[in-house]
Every structure is written in structure tokens, then in C-alpha cells.
Amino acid sequence: MDMATGQISRWFAEEGAKVKKGDVLFEIETDKAAMEIDAPASGTLRDVTGKERVDIPVGEPVAWIYADDELYDVKQGEAQISPLVGELSARPTEGGAVSPTSRSFAPPSALPGISLTRGEIGQLQGARATPLARRLAREAGLKIAEIQGSGPRGRVVRADVEAAVAARGATTLVQPTAGIPVEVSSVPAPASKPMSDDQVLKLFAEGSYELVPHDNMRKTIARRLVEAKSTIPHFYLTLDCELDALLALRTQLNAAAPMRKTDTGEVPAYKLSVNDLVIKAMAMALMAVPDANASWTENAMVKHKHADVGVAVSIPGGLITPIIRHADEKTLSVISNEMKDLASRARSRKLKPEEYQGGTTAVSNLGMFGIKDFAAVINPPHATILAVGAGEERAVVKKGEIKIATVMSVTLSTDHRAVDGALGAELLGAFKRMIENPMGMLV
């Protein structure tokens, strides 16, 4: 839902192929996963415009499906387009003008003897334009119908309006509230802009580097990180948790795991990791402090009834956050096995969108890399994310004596609009109690 473009990684049907409703037509490679797309109707696949491994805007047609009695008949010299994708049946009038009889879109190649540009198609359809383009045209005093669109299906986009303004030589925008023209040159520029690619490359000697183009995943991660850090007021809380009781319980539970038969022989029904217990502890902490189990919107606070915990998983080229739904209600063994399955499919990009979108919080664990502590970036719509460091032996003071304990540092990042300092401290305290008294997670 947050993508602007996608790529077709593979077509399973060729031009002119007979397809049935439900047949797999092609595979889409998004920034997170690869998904197979089924045929929405039965018929003949024609006018395939979506090419493999090419960025395609969301909403752009990639092919048309025709019913058998709607195919172009060369002898009749007519083309009838399937109602599934709409039609633009245009015929010359006596004066030679083209009179549209329908406003929906069909590929120009299906109309015999008629060649239309995207802009002409947009005019035939009526003014297609994005909301931003309409507003800019209105402010510049331009009629949207007179602007030739370059977007999908002849839609007028921002660049088209700006080009029209430049071509007209417009120098003012109307400010309706005051009735005073405002010079375009007087509108303040953004406070700061990132360096352009050319500016960056000029800082390095030619031949001292190689360029590796960003894939869709890396572009999306970059965009969402900038969005998160720019729009969410982050607030950080850190504390230490002793792990000795948790490690002892984990050893006992793994030793008590029943055996199950597989193709390769008998294996334990589950094998708990520290991260599995962290997920459960975070879920139960959210249920113990329900005000922190929230998401921010401009009009209301979204209070969640369950704890859906996302877990950051590193995959080639980036990371993804599959979600353990209702983690507060699931047993440790169920969480462990579900997490292993999600992580495996995440690395092969086989997750479904509903398996990584949403959630009420997240956990990011870098302890296995020896990282002591760090602060994670919140992943909207979450209001919190827990950064987990390595468990290591440290000297601690107990009743005036120095003891050795296994300690793990954790940092809670919160959206200060939804979870303030005191509430975040209460949540982190509840998490610490669960970790240091892990038997509570079994009842």
C-alpha cells in the first residue's frame, strides 16, 4: 500500500494465450516479497504492455483479457473491448472528427485506424488529474482540461502543471485568503536539501568507486527511515535486565520438548531462543500497560486489544519485519515455531503482505552480533520498538556485594506523541519484570 512502482519478475502466460479465471498470470516482485497474480476473468490475453524487470507505476494496466466474442475481427474491421477493462469505442463522424462514446480506457492498439496520444486519450476521457495537480492548476489559474497529461491513462500530474505554468510564463500564484498575488520567487525554499548524486560523486576521484543501483527494497527502506525520523518525535529509554533465571528456564523447557517424527528422523517439537522469550515478554508487557499498546493518528489514539509483535529479520539487501499476531495469547513453543517459519520465508521473499504489514510494536535484536546496546528507528504505525543487546556476564552489586550476573541491555524507542516518558518507563519496567521472573510467562 506504500509502493509507487513494482516489477513483473516473470510472466506465466504469453500474448494470445487462453487463460481461465484463477490461473496464475505473472509474478510481481515488490520491495518486500514476490507474489503471484491470478487472472481476474477467463478469455484471451492480449495487448501485454507490462514488461519483465521494468518499473511499472501502481495502477498502470499491464495486459487486457478479451472474451472470445470480443476479439478484434479483421474481416469486420471493428474492435470491441472487453467490459472487464472498459472500452473507448471511437468512430469518425461525417465531419471526420472522432466522437467518443465511452469515457473508460482501452489500449489504442485495439482501435482500428485511430492513433491517440496519452494527452488525447485524457481529453476524450474527461480531465484525469491527481489531486495535487488539480490544486496547483487552480492556484495558477489554469484549466486542468487544457493541460496534456503524461501520467498513466493520460492523467495530469504535477510535472504537467508545472510545465504548463512555465510555458505560459506565469509568475504569480493567487492567495485566495488575502487576495494578494504572491511572486513565485518569493516563496521560501526548503530549509535544506540532500546533496545531489553529482555533488556526492564529485567528492571522490573518478575510478575510485563503483556504482551499485538501489533495488526497490533499499529505496523503500531509505524512504521509510527518512519519513519515520522526520515525522515521529523519538524518545529513548534504556535499562538492564538480568537473564540468569530466563536462561535456566529456557534450558529446562528445551530439555522437556517432546520429539516429533519428520522425513529426516525425530526432532524436538520446539527449540526456544532468547528472542522467543523476548517477544513473549514484550507482548505481555504491552497487555500489562495497555495505554502503551497504541498507534498515533492525527484525530485519535488507536488503542489495540492485542499485542502483535513485529520482529526485524535481516535479509539480502535489507530487512523485513514479519509479525507474530496475538503474541500475548500464544505459548512460547507456538511463537518459536511460527517465528522460524516467518524468518525462513522472509529470507526467500515469500511472505504475504498481511504477514509483515501492521502490528502494534516491534523487536530488533542485535545481541547475536555482540552489540551491547543501540537505539532502533520506529516503524509506523507502531508507537514503540525495543532494541535488544547481547546478554553478557557483568559485575553487579547485590546487597553490598559484587556478584557476576548475565545482563542484557535494552532500549525502548517511543513515539512521544503516543507514549511519553513516564508511560514508556512503565512499559519497560513491566518488560524487565517478565524477563527477570520468566515463570510468569507460562501462566
Protein backbone atom coordinates (compact mmCIF):
# COMPACT_ATOMS: atom_id res chain seq x y z
CA MET A 1 0.00 0.00 0.00
CA ASP A 2 3.00 2.31 0.27
CA MET A 3 4.51 1.43 -3.13
CA ALA A 4 4.66 3.74 -6.14
CA THR A 5 6.11 1.19 -8.60
CA GLY A 6 6.65 -2.53 -8.87
CA GLN A 7 8.24 -5.01 -11.27
CA ILE A 8 6.98 -8.11 -13.03
CA SER A 9 9.64 -10.70 -12.42
CA ARG A 10 8.08 -13.40 -14.61
CA TRP A 11 5.13 -13.93 -16.95
CA PHE A 12 3.47 -17.36 -16.85
CA ALA A 13 1.17 -16.66 -19.83
CA GLU A 14 2.11 -15.39 -23.28
CA GLU A 15 0.41 -12.97 -25.67
CA GLY A 16 -2.63 -14.66 -27.21
CA ALA A 17 -2.81 -17.40 -24.60
CA LYS A 18 -6.16 -18.72 -23.40
CA VAL A 19 -6.49 -18.18 -19.66
CA LYS A 20 -9.06 -19.15 -17.08
CA LYS A 21 -10.14 -17.14 -14.08
CA GLY A 22 -7.76 -18.01 -11.23
CA ASP A 23 -4.85 -19.05 -13.47
CA VAL A 24 -1.50 -17.56 -12.44
CA LEU A 25 -0.69 -14.80 -14.94
CA PHE A 26 2.52 -13.31 -13.61
CA GLU A 27 4.68 -12.77 -10.54
CA ILE A 28 5.15 -9.31 -9.03
CA GLU A 29 8.37 -8.51 -7.21
CA THR A 30 7.64 -5.87 -4.59
CA ASP A 31 10.11 -4.28 -2.22
CA LYS A 32 9.33 -6.99 0.35
CA ALA A 33 8.18 -10.18 -1.34
CA ALA A 34 7.30 -11.96 -4.59
CA MET A 35 3.58 -12.50 -5.19
CA GLU A 36 1.71 -14.43 -7.86
CA ILE A 37 -1.20 -12.62 -9.53
CA ASP A 38 -4.21 -14.59 -10.78
CA ALA A 39 -6.35 -13.89 -13.84
CA PRO A 40 -9.48 -11.95 -12.82
CA ALA A 41 -11.52 -13.44 -15.68
CA SER A 42 -11.42 -16.07 -18.42
CA GLY A 43 -10.55 -15.21 -22.01
CA THR A 44 -7.60 -14.43 -24.28
CA LEU A 45 -4.60 -12.48 -23.02
CA ARG A 46 -3.69 -9.67 -25.42
CA ASP A 47 -2.00 -6.26 -25.55
CA VAL A 48 0.62 -7.22 -22.95
CA THR A 49 2.31 -3.92 -22.12
CA GLY A 50 3.89 -4.84 -18.80
CA LYS A 51 7.45 -5.96 -19.44
CA GLU A 52 9.57 -8.06 -17.11
CA ARG A 53 12.12 -6.34 -14.86
CA VAL A 54 10.85 -2.84 -15.68
CA ASP A 55 9.45 -0.41 -13.09
CA ILE A 56 5.68 -0.11 -13.60
CA PRO A 57 3.59 2.56 -11.77
CA VAL A 58 0.92 1.26 -9.43
CA GLY A 59 -2.44 1.32 -11.25
CA GLU A 60 -0.92 1.04 -14.73
CA PRO A 61 -2.53 -1.71 -16.89
CA VAL A 62 -0.12 -4.48 -17.85
CA ALA A 63 -2.41 -6.52 -20.13
CA TRP A 64 -6.02 -6.96 -21.24
CA ILE A 65 -8.23 -10.05 -21.20
CA TYR A 66 -10.79 -10.39 -24.00
CA ALA A 67 -13.79 -12.69 -24.07
CA ASP A 68 -13.87 -14.92 -27.14
CA ASP A 69 -16.67 -12.94 -28.80
CA GLU A 70 -14.96 -9.62 -28.12
CA LEU A 71 -11.73 -10.20 -30.03
CA TYR A 72 -10.83 -7.90 -32.91
CA ASP A 73 -12.38 -9.18 -36.10
CA VAL A 74 -10.15 -8.35 -39.06
CA LYS A 75 -12.91 -9.11 -41.59
CA GLN A 76 -15.44 -6.85 -39.90
CA GLY A 77 -12.87 -4.15 -39.34
CA GLU A 78 -14.15 -3.48 -35.86
CA ALA A 79 -12.73 -3.83 -32.38
CA GLN A 80 -14.84 -4.47 -29.30
CA ILE A 81 -13.11 -4.25 -25.95
CA SER A 82 -14.00 -6.47 -23.01
CA PRO A 83 -16.16 -4.76 -20.36
CA LEU A 84 -13.68 -6.19 -17.84
CA VAL A 85 -11.22 -3.43 -18.72
CA GLY A 86 -13.63 -0.89 -20.18
CA GLU A 87 -13.85 0.48 -23.69
CA LEU A 88 -13.12 3.59 -25.63
CA SER A 89 -15.07 2.95 -28.83
CA ALA A 90 -14.48 5.90 -31.12
CA ARG A 91 -15.74 6.27 -34.67
CA PRO A 92 -15.24 9.12 -37.16
CA THR A 93 -18.28 11.36 -37.67
CA GLU A 94 -19.31 12.76 -41.00
CA GLY A 95 -17.01 15.73 -40.49
CA GLY A 96 -14.08 13.46 -39.77
CA ALA A 97 -13.95 14.21 -36.03
CA VAL A 98 -13.65 11.46 -33.53
CA SER A 99 -16.61 11.22 -31.16
CA PRO A 100 -16.05 9.19 -28.03
CA THR A 101 -18.97 7.10 -26.85
CA SER A 102 -17.39 5.93 -23.62
CA ARG A 103 -15.02 7.53 -21.14
CA SER A 104 -13.20 4.43 -19.85
CA PHE A 105 -9.81 3.38 -21.13
CA ALA A 106 -8.78 0.76 -23.65
CA PRO A 107 -5.47 0.25 -25.44
CA PRO A 108 -5.20 2.46 -28.53
CA SER A 109 -3.90 -0.55 -30.46
CA ALA A 110 -7.38 -2.06 -30.23
CA LEU A 111 -8.95 0.83 -32.17
CA PRO A 112 -8.56 0.33 -35.94
CA GLY A 113 -7.35 3.34 -37.86
CA ILE A 114 -7.14 5.56 -34.78
CA SER A 115 -3.88 6.65 -33.18
CA LEU A 116 -4.19 8.65 -29.95
CA THR A 117 -1.59 10.19 -27.70
CA ARG A 118 -1.88 9.90 -23.91
CA GLY A 119 -2.95 13.53 -23.76
CA GLU A 120 -5.65 12.99 -26.39
CA ILE A 121 -6.90 9.95 -24.52
CA GLY A 122 -7.08 12.06 -21.35
CA GLN A 123 -9.12 14.73 -23.19
CA LEU A 124 -11.51 12.10 -24.55
CA GLN A 125 -11.96 10.64 -21.10
CA GLY A 126 -12.51 13.99 -19.43
CA ALA A 127 -9.92 15.67 -17.26
CA ARG A 128 -7.92 13.00 -15.42
CA ALA A 129 -5.63 14.54 -12.83
CA THR A 130 -4.09 13.89 -9.44
CA PRO A 131 -5.45 15.97 -6.53
CA LEU A 132 -2.12 17.81 -6.26
CA ALA A 133 -2.18 18.65 -9.98
CA ARG A 134 -5.73 19.99 -9.69
CA ARG A 135 -4.79 22.21 -6.76
CA LEU A 136 -1.67 23.56 -8.48
CA ALA A 137 -3.62 24.25 -11.68
CA ARG A 138 -6.35 26.03 -9.73
CA GLU A 139 -3.79 28.16 -7.87
CA ALA A 140 -2.06 29.03 -11.13
CA GLY A 141 -5.35 29.93 -12.83
CA LEU A 142 -5.11 27.12 -15.40
CA LYS A 143 -7.87 24.85 -16.66
CA ILE A 144 -6.96 21.25 -15.97
CA ALA A 145 -8.74 20.09 -19.15
CA GLU A 146 -6.39 22.19 -21.28
CA ILE A 147 -3.25 20.55 -19.90
CA GLN A 148 -1.88 17.48 -21.68
CA GLY A 149 -1.24 14.69 -19.20
CA SER A 150 1.84 12.47 -19.24
CA GLY A 151 0.78 10.12 -16.44
CA PRO A 152 -0.95 6.72 -16.64
CA ARG A 153 -4.03 6.83 -18.92
CA GLY A 154 -3.32 10.45 -19.81
CA ARG A 155 -3.60 11.63 -16.22
CA VAL A 156 -2.33 15.12 -15.49
CA VAL A 157 0.38 15.08 -12.84
CA ARG A 158 2.31 17.78 -11.02
CA ALA A 159 5.07 17.94 -13.64
CA ASP A 160 2.49 18.62 -16.38
CA VAL A 161 1.04 21.58 -14.46
CA GLU A 162 4.49 22.98 -13.72
CA ALA A 163 5.39 22.68 -17.40
CA ALA A 164 2.18 24.46 -18.38
CA VAL A 165 2.89 27.24 -15.89
CA ALA A 166 6.42 27.63 -17.25
CA ALA A 167 5.17 27.65 -20.85
CA ARG A 168 2.61 30.35 -20.08
CA GLY A 169 5.26 32.40 -18.33
CA ALA A 170 3.18 32.60 -15.18
CA THR A 171 4.96 34.42 -12.41
CA THR A 172 2.31 34.58 -9.71
CA LEU A 173 0.17 32.27 -7.67
CA VAL A 174 -3.13 33.51 -6.26
CA GLN A 175 -3.53 33.53 -2.49
CA PRO A 176 -7.33 33.39 -2.11
CA THR A 177 -7.43 34.26 1.60
CA ALA A 178 -5.71 37.61 1.20
CA GLY A 179 -6.43 38.35 -2.45
CA ILE A 180 -2.80 39.40 -2.94
CA PRO A 181 -0.64 37.91 -5.71
CA VAL A 182 2.48 36.22 -4.37
CA GLU A 183 5.56 36.10 -6.54
CA VAL A 184 6.76 32.54 -7.13
CA SER A 185 10.31 33.71 -6.48
CA SER A 186 9.25 34.92 -3.03
CA VAL A 187 8.09 31.51 -1.86
CA PRO A 188 10.78 30.28 0.57
CA ALA A 189 12.76 27.24 -0.49
CA PRO A 190 13.01 24.21 1.79
CA ALA A 191 15.39 24.72 4.70
CA SER A 192 17.79 22.10 3.43
CA LYS A 193 18.10 19.57 0.65
CA PRO A 194 20.23 16.43 0.48
CA MET A 195 23.26 16.51 -1.78
CA SER A 196 22.55 15.50 -5.35
CA ASP A 197 24.19 12.42 -6.84
CA ASP A 198 26.53 14.61 -8.88
CA GLN A 199 27.58 16.58 -5.79
CA VAL A 200 28.37 13.37 -3.92
CA LEU A 201 30.37 11.82 -6.76
CA LYS A 202 32.45 14.98 -7.23
CA LEU A 203 33.88 14.42 -3.75
CA PHE A 204 35.61 11.21 -4.88
CA ALA A 205 38.25 10.61 -7.51
CA GLU A 206 36.92 9.15 -10.74
CA GLY A 207 37.65 5.43 -10.91
CA SER A 208 37.91 5.07 -7.13
CA TYR A 209 34.41 3.64 -6.77
CA GLU A 210 31.75 1.58 -8.49
CA LEU A 211 28.02 2.35 -8.62
CA VAL A 212 25.57 -0.31 -7.43
CA PRO A 213 21.99 0.75 -8.30
CA HIS A 214 19.44 0.62 -5.48
CA ASP A 215 16.78 -2.07 -5.72
CA ASN A 216 13.15 -1.45 -4.72
CA MET A 217 13.69 -2.76 -1.18
CA ARG A 218 16.61 -0.44 -0.44
CA LYS A 219 14.70 2.55 -1.88
CA THR A 220 11.68 1.76 0.28
CA ILE A 221 13.78 1.30 3.42
CA ALA A 222 15.50 4.64 2.80
CA ARG A 223 12.22 6.44 2.20
CA ARG A 224 10.52 4.99 5.27
CA LEU A 225 13.51 5.73 7.53
CA VAL A 226 13.56 9.36 6.44
CA GLU A 227 9.80 9.55 6.93
CA ALA A 228 10.00 7.97 10.39
CA LYS A 229 12.84 10.15 11.67
CA SER A 230 11.34 13.29 10.13
CA THR A 231 7.76 12.88 11.34
CA ILE A 232 7.98 10.85 14.57
CA PRO A 233 9.42 12.52 17.70
CA HIS A 234 11.60 9.69 19.01
CA PHE A 235 12.22 9.31 22.75
CA TYR A 236 14.61 6.69 24.16
CA LEU A 237 14.70 4.73 27.43
CA THR A 238 17.40 2.20 28.38
CA LEU A 239 17.73 -0.28 31.23
CA ASP A 240 19.48 -3.57 32.06
CA CYS A 241 17.78 -6.94 32.59
CA GLU A 242 19.32 -9.93 34.34
CA LEU A 243 18.96 -13.11 32.28
CA ASP A 244 20.09 -15.92 34.57
CA ALA A 245 16.58 -17.05 35.55
CA LEU A 246 15.41 -16.83 31.95
CA LEU A 247 18.37 -18.83 30.63
CA ALA A 248 17.78 -21.53 33.23
CA LEU A 249 14.08 -21.77 32.34
CA ARG A 250 14.89 -21.90 28.63
CA THR A 251 17.28 -24.82 29.23
CA GLN A 252 14.62 -26.71 31.20
CA LEU A 253 11.89 -26.12 28.59
CA ASN A 254 14.10 -27.19 25.69
CA ALA A 255 15.14 -30.33 27.57
CA ALA A 256 11.46 -31.17 28.15
CA ALA A 257 10.45 -30.72 24.49
CA PRO A 258 8.65 -33.81 23.11
CA MET A 259 10.01 -35.47 19.98
CA ARG A 260 8.17 -35.48 16.67
CA LYS A 261 8.77 -37.52 13.53
CA THR A 262 9.97 -35.89 10.31
CA ASP A 263 11.33 -37.15 7.00
CA THR A 264 14.84 -36.94 8.43
CA GLY A 265 14.00 -38.64 11.71
CA GLU A 266 12.85 -37.50 15.14
CA VAL A 267 13.47 -33.90 16.18
CA PRO A 268 12.35 -31.80 19.17
CA ALA A 269 8.89 -30.26 18.73
CA TYR A 270 10.40 -26.86 19.52
CA LYS A 271 13.68 -25.19 20.41
CA LEU A 272 13.28 -21.89 22.24
CA SER A 273 15.66 -18.99 21.71
CA VAL A 274 16.16 -15.98 23.95
CA ASN A 275 14.47 -13.91 21.26
CA ASP A 276 11.32 -16.05 21.52
CA LEU A 277 11.08 -15.22 25.22
CA VAL A 278 11.76 -11.54 24.50
CA ILE A 279 8.82 -11.49 22.06
CA LYS A 280 6.51 -13.06 24.64
CA ALA A 281 7.74 -10.73 27.40
CA MET A 282 7.17 -7.64 25.21
CA ALA A 283 3.66 -8.80 24.31
CA MET A 284 2.73 -9.42 27.94
CA ALA A 285 4.24 -6.09 29.00
CA LEU A 286 2.01 -4.30 26.49
CA MET A 287 -1.04 -6.07 27.91
CA ALA A 288 0.04 -5.08 31.41
CA VAL A 289 0.43 -1.43 30.28
CA PRO A 290 -2.41 -1.13 27.72
CA ASP A 291 -2.03 2.63 27.23
CA ALA A 292 1.34 1.95 25.60
CA ASN A 293 -0.18 -0.55 23.17
CA ALA A 294 -1.24 2.24 20.84
CA SER A 295 -0.74 3.92 17.47
CA TRP A 296 -0.89 7.63 16.77
CA THR A 297 -3.26 9.21 14.23
CA GLU A 298 -3.99 12.92 13.88
CA ASN A 299 -7.60 12.54 15.02
CA ALA A 300 -7.45 9.78 17.63
CA MET A 301 -5.26 7.40 19.59
CA VAL A 302 -5.61 3.84 18.32
CA LYS A 303 -5.74 1.55 21.38
CA HIS A 304 -5.02 -2.06 20.39
CA LYS A 305 -6.74 -5.01 22.07
CA HIS A 306 -3.94 -7.48 21.29
CA ALA A 307 -0.16 -7.35 21.10
CA ASP A 308 1.02 -8.04 17.53
CA VAL A 309 4.81 -8.07 17.74
CA GLY A 310 6.93 -7.48 14.64
CA VAL A 311 10.43 -8.94 14.62
CA ALA A 312 13.17 -7.42 12.47
CA VAL A 313 14.70 -10.07 10.19
CA SER A 314 17.83 -9.37 8.14
CA ILE A 315 17.55 -10.50 4.52
CA PRO A 316 19.82 -9.92 1.50
CA GLY A 317 19.67 -6.25 0.57
CA GLY A 318 17.76 -5.03 3.62
CA LEU A 319 15.40 -6.17 6.34
CA ILE A 320 11.74 -7.02 6.87
CA THR A 321 9.55 -7.24 9.95
CA PRO A 322 7.21 -10.25 9.98
CA ILE A 323 4.59 -10.11 12.69
CA ILE A 324 3.61 -12.58 15.41
CA ARG A 325 -0.12 -11.88 15.72
CA HIS A 326 -1.72 -12.11 19.18
CA ALA A 327 1.66 -12.91 20.73
CA ASP A 328 0.16 -12.23 24.15
CA GLU A 329 -2.11 -15.28 23.77
CA LYS A 330 0.35 -17.74 22.22
CA THR A 331 2.58 -20.20 24.03
CA LEU A 332 6.34 -19.98 23.79
CA SER A 333 6.53 -23.09 21.60
CA VAL A 334 3.99 -21.67 19.14
CA ILE A 335 5.83 -18.33 18.99
CA SER A 336 9.15 -20.13 18.43
CA ASN A 337 7.94 -22.33 15.57
CA GLU A 338 5.96 -19.50 13.95
CA MET A 339 8.97 -17.21 14.10
CA LYS A 340 11.24 -19.79 12.46
CA ASP A 341 8.73 -20.24 9.63
CA LEU A 342 8.28 -16.48 9.09
CA ALA A 343 12.04 -15.84 9.13
CA SER A 344 12.67 -18.65 6.62
CA ARG A 345 10.03 -17.36 4.20
CA ALA A 346 11.16 -13.77 4.72
CA ARG A 347 14.68 -14.62 3.52
CA SER A 348 13.24 -16.23 0.38
CA ARG A 349 10.84 -13.28 -0.08
CA LYS A 350 7.76 -15.48 0.17
CA LEU A 351 5.88 -13.55 2.86
CA LYS A 352 2.36 -12.35 2.18
CA PRO A 353 1.68 -8.63 2.74
CA GLU A 354 -0.57 -9.34 5.72
CA GLU A 355 2.34 -11.14 7.37
CA TYR A 356 4.54 -8.04 7.58
CA GLN A 357 2.13 -5.07 7.44
CA GLY A 358 0.63 -3.56 10.58
CA GLY A 359 1.48 -4.77 14.06
CA THR A 360 1.44 -2.84 17.35
CA THR A 361 5.15 -2.91 18.26
CA ALA A 362 8.44 -4.42 17.13
CA VAL A 363 11.60 -6.06 18.46
CA SER A 364 15.05 -5.64 16.90
CA ASN A 365 17.72 -7.94 18.31
CA LEU A 366 21.41 -7.47 17.51
CA GLY A 367 22.65 -9.40 20.52
CA MET A 368 23.83 -12.30 18.37
CA PHE A 369 26.36 -9.88 16.80
CA GLY A 370 27.75 -8.88 20.18
CA ILE A 371 26.15 -5.42 20.15
CA LYS A 372 25.77 -4.18 23.72
CA ASP A 373 23.06 -1.56 23.12
CA PHE A 374 21.60 0.57 20.33
CA ALA A 375 18.51 2.65 19.51
CA ALA A 376 16.14 1.42 16.80
CA VAL A 377 14.00 3.55 14.47
CA ILE A 378 10.24 3.24 14.95
CA ASN A 379 8.37 1.53 12.13
CA PRO A 380 5.00 3.29 11.55
CA PRO A 381 2.23 2.68 12.57
CA HIS A 382 3.99 1.38 15.70
CA ALA A 383 4.49 3.70 18.67
CA THR A 384 7.32 1.63 20.14
CA ILE A 385 10.23 -0.60 19.16
CA LEU A 386 12.54 -2.50 21.52
CA ALA A 387 16.25 -2.72 20.68
CA VAL A 388 17.83 -5.79 22.32
CA GLY A 389 21.56 -6.08 23.01
CA ALA A 390 23.76 -9.05 23.86
CA GLY A 391 23.48 -10.97 27.10
CA GLU A 392 26.90 -10.90 28.76
CA GLU A 393 28.41 -11.54 32.15
CA ARG A 394 28.83 -8.33 34.13
CA ALA A 395 29.68 -7.36 37.67
CA VAL A 396 26.57 -6.29 39.58
CA VAL A 397 26.15 -5.14 43.16
CA LYS A 398 23.65 -7.09 45.29
CA LYS A 399 23.17 -6.25 48.97
CA GLY A 400 26.51 -4.50 49.10
CA GLU A 401 28.41 -7.36 47.44
CA ILE A 402 29.77 -7.64 43.90
CA LYS A 403 28.26 -10.59 42.04
CA ILE A 404 28.52 -11.93 38.50
CA ALA A 405 25.26 -11.95 36.50
CA THR A 406 24.26 -12.31 32.86
CA VAL A 407 22.92 -8.91 31.88
CA MET A 408 21.16 -7.71 28.72
CA SER A 409 20.72 -4.01 27.88
CA VAL A 410 17.53 -2.99 26.09
CA THR A 411 16.48 0.39 24.68
CA LEU A 412 12.86 1.31 24.07
CA SER A 413 12.24 3.87 21.31
CA THR A 414 8.84 5.53 21.67
CA ASP A 415 6.71 7.88 19.61
CA HIS A 416 6.50 10.71 22.13
CA ARG A 417 3.10 11.74 20.75
CA ALA A 418 1.59 8.42 21.86
CA VAL A 419 3.90 7.16 24.61
CA ASP A 420 5.52 9.76 26.84
CA GLY A 421 8.45 9.26 29.19
CA ALA A 422 6.55 8.02 32.25
CA LEU A 423 4.37 5.64 30.24
CA GLY A 424 7.41 4.31 28.36
CA ALA A 425 9.23 3.76 31.66
CA GLU A 426 6.22 1.82 32.98
CA LEU A 427 6.20 -0.38 29.88
CA LEU A 428 9.95 -1.04 30.06
CA GLY A 429 9.63 -1.84 33.77
CA ALA A 430 6.91 -4.40 33.03
CA PHE A 431 9.16 -5.96 30.38
CA LYS A 432 12.05 -6.18 32.84
CA ARG A 433 9.85 -7.94 35.41
CA MET A 434 8.80 -10.52 32.82
CA ILE A 435 12.39 -11.18 31.78
CA GLU A 436 13.72 -11.49 35.32
CA ASN A 437 10.71 -13.55 36.52
CA PRO A 438 10.09 -15.68 33.41
CA MET A 439 7.82 -18.23 35.09
CA GLY A 440 5.11 -15.58 34.79
CA MET A 441 5.14 -16.11 31.02
CA LEU A 442 3.99 -19.72 31.47
CA VAL A 443 0.78 -19.00 33.38
